[in-house]
Every structure is written in C-alpha cells, then in structure tokens.
C-alpha atoms as a PDB file:
ATOM      1  CA  MET A   1     -68.463  45.570 -31.972  1.00  0.00           C
ATOM      2  CA  GLU A   2     -68.736  41.768 -32.025  1.00  0.00           C
ATOM      3  CA  ASP A   3     -65.705  41.901 -34.424  1.00  0.00           C
ATOM      4  CA  GLN A   4     -63.441  43.876 -31.945  1.00  0.00           C
ATOM      5  CA  GLU A   5     -64.567  41.529 -29.215  1.00  0.00           C
ATOM      6  CA  MET A   6     -63.739  38.573 -31.168  1.00  0.00           C
ATOM      7  CA  GLN A   7     -60.401  39.867 -32.244  1.00  0.00           C
ATOM      8  CA  LEU A   8     -59.517  40.648 -28.425  1.00  0.00           C
ATOM      9  CA  LYS A   9     -60.392  37.079 -27.527  1.00  0.00           C
ATOM     10  CA  VAL A  10     -58.395  35.813 -30.333  1.00  0.00           C
ATOM     11  CA  ARG A  11     -55.379  37.897 -29.357  1.00  0.00           C
ATOM     12  CA  ARG A  12     -55.710  36.622 -25.758  1.00  0.00           C
ATOM     13  CA  VAL A  13     -55.841  33.087 -26.800  1.00  0.00           C
ATOM     14  CA  THR A  14     -52.833  33.502 -29.203  1.00  0.00           C
ATOM     15  CA  ASP A  15     -50.886  35.396 -26.535  1.00  0.00           C
ATOM     16  CA  LYS A  16     -51.552  32.682 -24.039  1.00  0.00           C
ATOM     17  CA  PHE A  17     -50.623  29.980 -26.691  1.00  0.00           C
ATOM     18  CA  THR A  18     -47.409  31.855 -27.673  1.00  0.00           C
ATOM     19  CA  GLU A  19     -46.415  32.139 -23.893  1.00  0.00           C
ATOM     20  CA  SER A  20     -47.141  28.594 -23.342  1.00  0.00           C
ATOM     21  CA  MET A  21     -45.193  27.494 -26.431  1.00  0.00           C
ATOM     22  CA  TYR A  22     -42.213  29.838 -25.265  1.00  0.00           C
ATOM     23  CA  VAL A  23     -42.340  28.217 -21.776  1.00  0.00           C
ATOM     24  CA  LEU A  24     -42.360  24.726 -23.207  1.00  0.00           C
ATOM     25  CA  ALA A  25     -39.575  25.535 -25.479  1.00  0.00           C
ATOM     26  CA  ASN A  26     -37.354  26.919 -22.898  1.00  0.00           C
ATOM     27  CA  GLU A  27     -38.051  24.715 -20.059  1.00  0.00           C
ATOM     28  CA  PRO A  28     -35.695  22.026 -20.943  1.00  0.00           C
ATOM     29  CA  SER A  29     -32.831  24.392 -21.399  1.00  0.00           C
ATOM     30  CA  VAL A  30     -33.585  25.923 -18.183  1.00  0.00           C
ATOM     31  CA  ALA A  31     -33.511  22.557 -16.524  1.00  0.00           C
ATOM     32  CA  LEU A  32     -30.343  21.561 -18.195  1.00  0.00           C
ATOM     33  CA  TYR A  33     -28.787  25.088 -17.039  1.00  0.00           C
ATOM     34  CA  ARG A  34     -29.911  24.223 -13.419  1.00  0.00           C
ATOM     35  CA  LEU A  35     -28.379  20.677 -13.802  1.00  0.00           C
ATOM     36  CA  GLN A  36     -24.976  22.170 -15.042  1.00  0.00           C
ATOM     37  CA  GLU A  37     -25.032  24.782 -12.382  1.00  0.00           C
ATOM     38  CA  HIS A  38     -25.462  21.937  -9.680  1.00  0.00           C
ATOM     39  CA  VAL A  39     -22.829  19.733 -11.108  1.00  0.00           C
ATOM     40  CA  ARG A  40     -20.288  22.603 -11.378  1.00  0.00           C
ATOM     41  CA  ARG A  41     -20.908  23.435  -7.572  1.00  0.00           C
ATOM     42  CA  SER A  42     -20.951  19.807  -6.251  1.00  0.00           C
ATOM     43  CA  LEU A  43     -18.383  18.150  -8.362  1.00  0.00           C
ATOM     44  CA  PRO A  44     -15.360  19.397  -6.576  1.00  0.00           C
ATOM     45  CA  GLU A  45     -16.585  18.169  -3.225  1.00  0.00           C
ATOM     46  CA  LEU A  46     -17.568  14.958  -4.768  1.00  0.00           C
ATOM     47  CA  VAL A  47     -14.101  14.359  -6.153  1.00  0.00           C
ATOM     48  CA  GLN A  48     -12.664  15.171  -2.769  1.00  0.00           C
ATOM     49  CA  HIS A  49     -14.981  12.580  -1.186  1.00  0.00           C
ATOM     50  CA  LYS A  50     -13.900   9.995  -3.841  1.00  0.00           C
ATOM     51  CA  THR A  51     -10.236  10.526  -3.139  1.00  0.00           C
ATOM     52  CA  ASP A  52     -10.769  10.349   0.538  1.00  0.00           C
ATOM     53  CA  MET A  53     -12.771   7.175   0.251  1.00  0.00           C
ATOM     54  CA  GLN A  54      -9.965   5.740  -2.058  1.00  0.00           C
ATOM     55  CA  SER A  55      -7.460   6.729   0.588  1.00  0.00           C
ATOM     56  CA  TRP A  56      -9.324   5.124   3.346  1.00  0.00           C
ATOM     57  CA  GLU A  57      -9.861   1.941   1.470  1.00  0.00           C
ATOM     58  CA  GLU A  58      -6.048   1.631   1.017  1.00  0.00           C
ATOM     59  CA  GLN A  59      -5.475   2.155   4.679  1.00  0.00           C
ATOM     60  CA  SER A  60      -8.158  -0.390   5.536  1.00  0.00           C
ATOM     61  CA  GLN A  61      -6.690  -2.784   3.103  1.00  0.00           C
ATOM     62  CA  GLY A  62      -3.226  -2.344   4.798  1.00  0.00           C
ATOM     63  CA  ALA A  63      -4.784  -2.791   8.144  1.00  0.00           C
ATOM     64  CA  ILE A  64      -6.658  -5.944   7.154  1.00  0.00           C
ATOM     65  CA  TYR A  65      -3.527  -7.434   5.567  1.00  0.00           C
ATOM     66  CA  THR A  66      -1.667  -6.733   9.001  1.00  0.00           C
ATOM     67  CA  VAL A  67      -4.463  -8.358  11.072  1.00  0.00           C
ATOM     68  CA  GLU A  68      -4.533 -11.466   8.761  1.00  0.00           C
ATOM     69  CA  TYR A  69      -0.861 -11.755   8.975  1.00  0.00           C
ATOM     70  CA  ALA A  70      -0.927 -11.462  12.685  1.00  0.00           C
ATOM     71  CA  CYS A  71      -3.573 -14.099  12.972  1.00  0.00           C
ATOM     72  CA  SER A  72      -1.705 -16.540  10.818  1.00  0.00           C
ATOM     73  CA  ALA A  73       1.353 -15.969  12.884  1.00  0.00           C
ATOM     74  CA  VAL A  74      -0.717 -16.701  16.257  1.00  0.00           C
ATOM     75  CA  LYS A  75      -2.109 -19.801  14.602  1.00  0.00           C
ATOM     76  CA  SER A  76       1.357 -21.115  13.606  1.00  0.00           C
ATOM     77  CA  MET A  77       2.540 -20.499  17.156  1.00  0.00           C
ATOM     78  CA  ASN A  78      -0.242 -22.801  18.461  1.00  0.00           C
ATOM     79  CA  ASN A  79       0.976 -25.495  16.055  1.00  0.00           C
ATOM     80  CA  SER A  80       4.572 -24.994  17.453  1.00  0.00           C
ATOM     81  CA  SER A  81       3.696 -26.018  21.017  1.00  0.00           C
ATOM     82  CA  LEU A  82       4.714 -29.474  20.122  1.00  0.00           C
ATOM     83  CA  TYR A  83       8.197 -28.224  19.111  1.00  0.00           C
ATOM     84  CA  PHE A  84       8.611 -26.285  22.262  1.00  0.00           C
ATOM     85  CA  LYS A  85       7.647 -29.337  24.396  1.00  0.00           C
ATOM     86  CA  ASN A  86      10.317 -31.136  22.586  1.00  0.00           C
ATOM     87  CA  ILE A  87      12.932 -28.429  23.209  1.00  0.00           C
ATOM     88  CA  ASP A  88      11.893 -28.424  26.843  1.00  0.00           C
ATOM     89  CA  SER A  89      12.324 -32.030  27.154  1.00  0.00           C
ATOM     90  CA  LEU A  90      15.756 -32.058  25.418  1.00  0.00           C
ATOM     91  CA  LEU A  91      16.988 -29.141  27.604  1.00  0.00           C
ATOM     92  CA  ARG A  92      15.824 -31.119  30.751  1.00  0.00           C
ATOM     93  CA  GLN A  93      17.839 -34.098  29.567  1.00  0.00           C
ATOM     94  CA  ALA A  94      20.862 -31.882  28.822  1.00  0.00           C
ATOM     95  CA  THR A  95      20.687 -30.423  32.269  1.00  0.00           C
ATOM     96  CA  SER A  96      20.316 -33.677  33.748  1.00  0.00           C
ATOM     97  CA  MET A  97      23.381 -35.148  31.803  1.00  0.00           C
ATOM     98  CA  LYS A  98      25.434 -32.043  32.846  1.00  0.00           C
ATOM     99  CA  GLU A  99      24.617 -32.634  36.567  1.00  0.00           C
ATOM    100  CA  GLN A 100      25.694 -36.363  36.035  1.00  0.00           C
ATOM    101  CA  ILE A 101      28.959 -35.166  34.482  1.00  0.00           C
ATOM    102  CA  ASN A 102      29.592 -32.782  37.324  1.00  0.00           C
ATOM    103  CA  ASN A 103      28.839 -35.345  39.985  1.00  0.00           C
ATOM    104  CA  SER A 104      31.184 -37.924  38.227  1.00  0.00           C
ATOM    105  CA  GLN A 105      33.903 -35.354  37.983  1.00  0.00           C
ATOM    106  CA  GLY A 106      33.370 -34.360  41.606  1.00  0.00           C
ATOM    107  CA  ARG A 107      33.845 -38.059  42.755  1.00  0.00           C
ATOM    108  CA  SER A 108      36.916 -38.690  40.679  1.00  0.00           C
ATOM    109  CA  GLY A 109      38.570 -35.547  41.504  1.00  0.00           C
ATOM    110  CA  LYS A 110      39.689 -35.018  37.732  1.00  0.00           C
ATOM    111  CA  VAL A 111      39.066 -31.868  35.907  1.00  0.00           C
ATOM    112  CA  VAL A 112      37.902 -32.493  32.488  1.00  0.00           C
ATOM    113  CA  ASP A 113      39.060 -30.228  29.429  1.00  0.00           C
ATOM    114  CA  PRO A 114      35.578 -29.167  27.946  1.00  0.00           C
ATOM    115  CA  SER A 115      36.952 -29.441  24.558  1.00  0.00           C
ATOM    116  CA  THR A 116      37.638 -33.042  24.993  1.00  0.00           C
ATOM    117  CA  ALA A 117      34.364 -33.803  26.978  1.00  0.00           C
ATOM    118  CA  PRO A 118      31.621 -35.988  25.007  1.00  0.00           C
ATOM    119  CA  THR A 119      29.063 -33.943  23.140  1.00  0.00           C
ATOM    120  CA  VAL A 120      25.314 -34.605  23.482  1.00  0.00           C
ATOM    121  CA  CYS A 121      23.386 -34.903  20.385  1.00  0.00           C
END
C-alpha cells in the first residue's frame, strides 16, 4: 500500500514537473508569437504616421523658410528708409526746379522745346 501511495505521489510530482517544464519551454515562443502578432497589426498604422509626420515636417520647413524670407525682406525695408528719404528729397528738388522753369517761361513768354531743355541730374 505504501508503495502505491509513493508511486502516486511520484507520478504527481513528475507530472507537475513535466507540465512546468513544458510551460517554461513554450513561454518564450508564445511571447514572441504575441509580439509578432502585435507588430503585424500596428506596423501599417505606424508607417502611415511616419509618412504623415514627414509630410508635415516638409510643409513646416517650407513655411519656416517663407517666414524667414519675409522677415529678412522687412528688415531690409527698414534699412532702405535712408534711400527713400533721399529719393523724396530729390523729387522735391526736381519739382521745385520744374516750377522755377515754368515761372521763368511764363515771364519771358517763350515756349521751350522739351528736347532742348536742360536736364537735371
């Protein structure tokens, strides 16, 4: 009787040990299968997100370039105020000279041919 009991206990222990070894041996392959399954499901979506992000990055770079170019144009316009003041001064001088020419022609009564009129530099 004792022998049968011992055999039953040994069988239970060996069965549990065999089951544990089977689980331990198969656990990594089950985990790898689950990883593969997850990657297969999520990879297309990740690829789509990557292409979207690259497209947005290109658009952003274009917008940044445009803004930087506009800023440099505005800064260069600020630097050109001296030139505009110069042009304004020259236009005022030309207008004044034109009025003087008109006044002098009006007094003398002569009509001056524009092609022979003195040029202002």
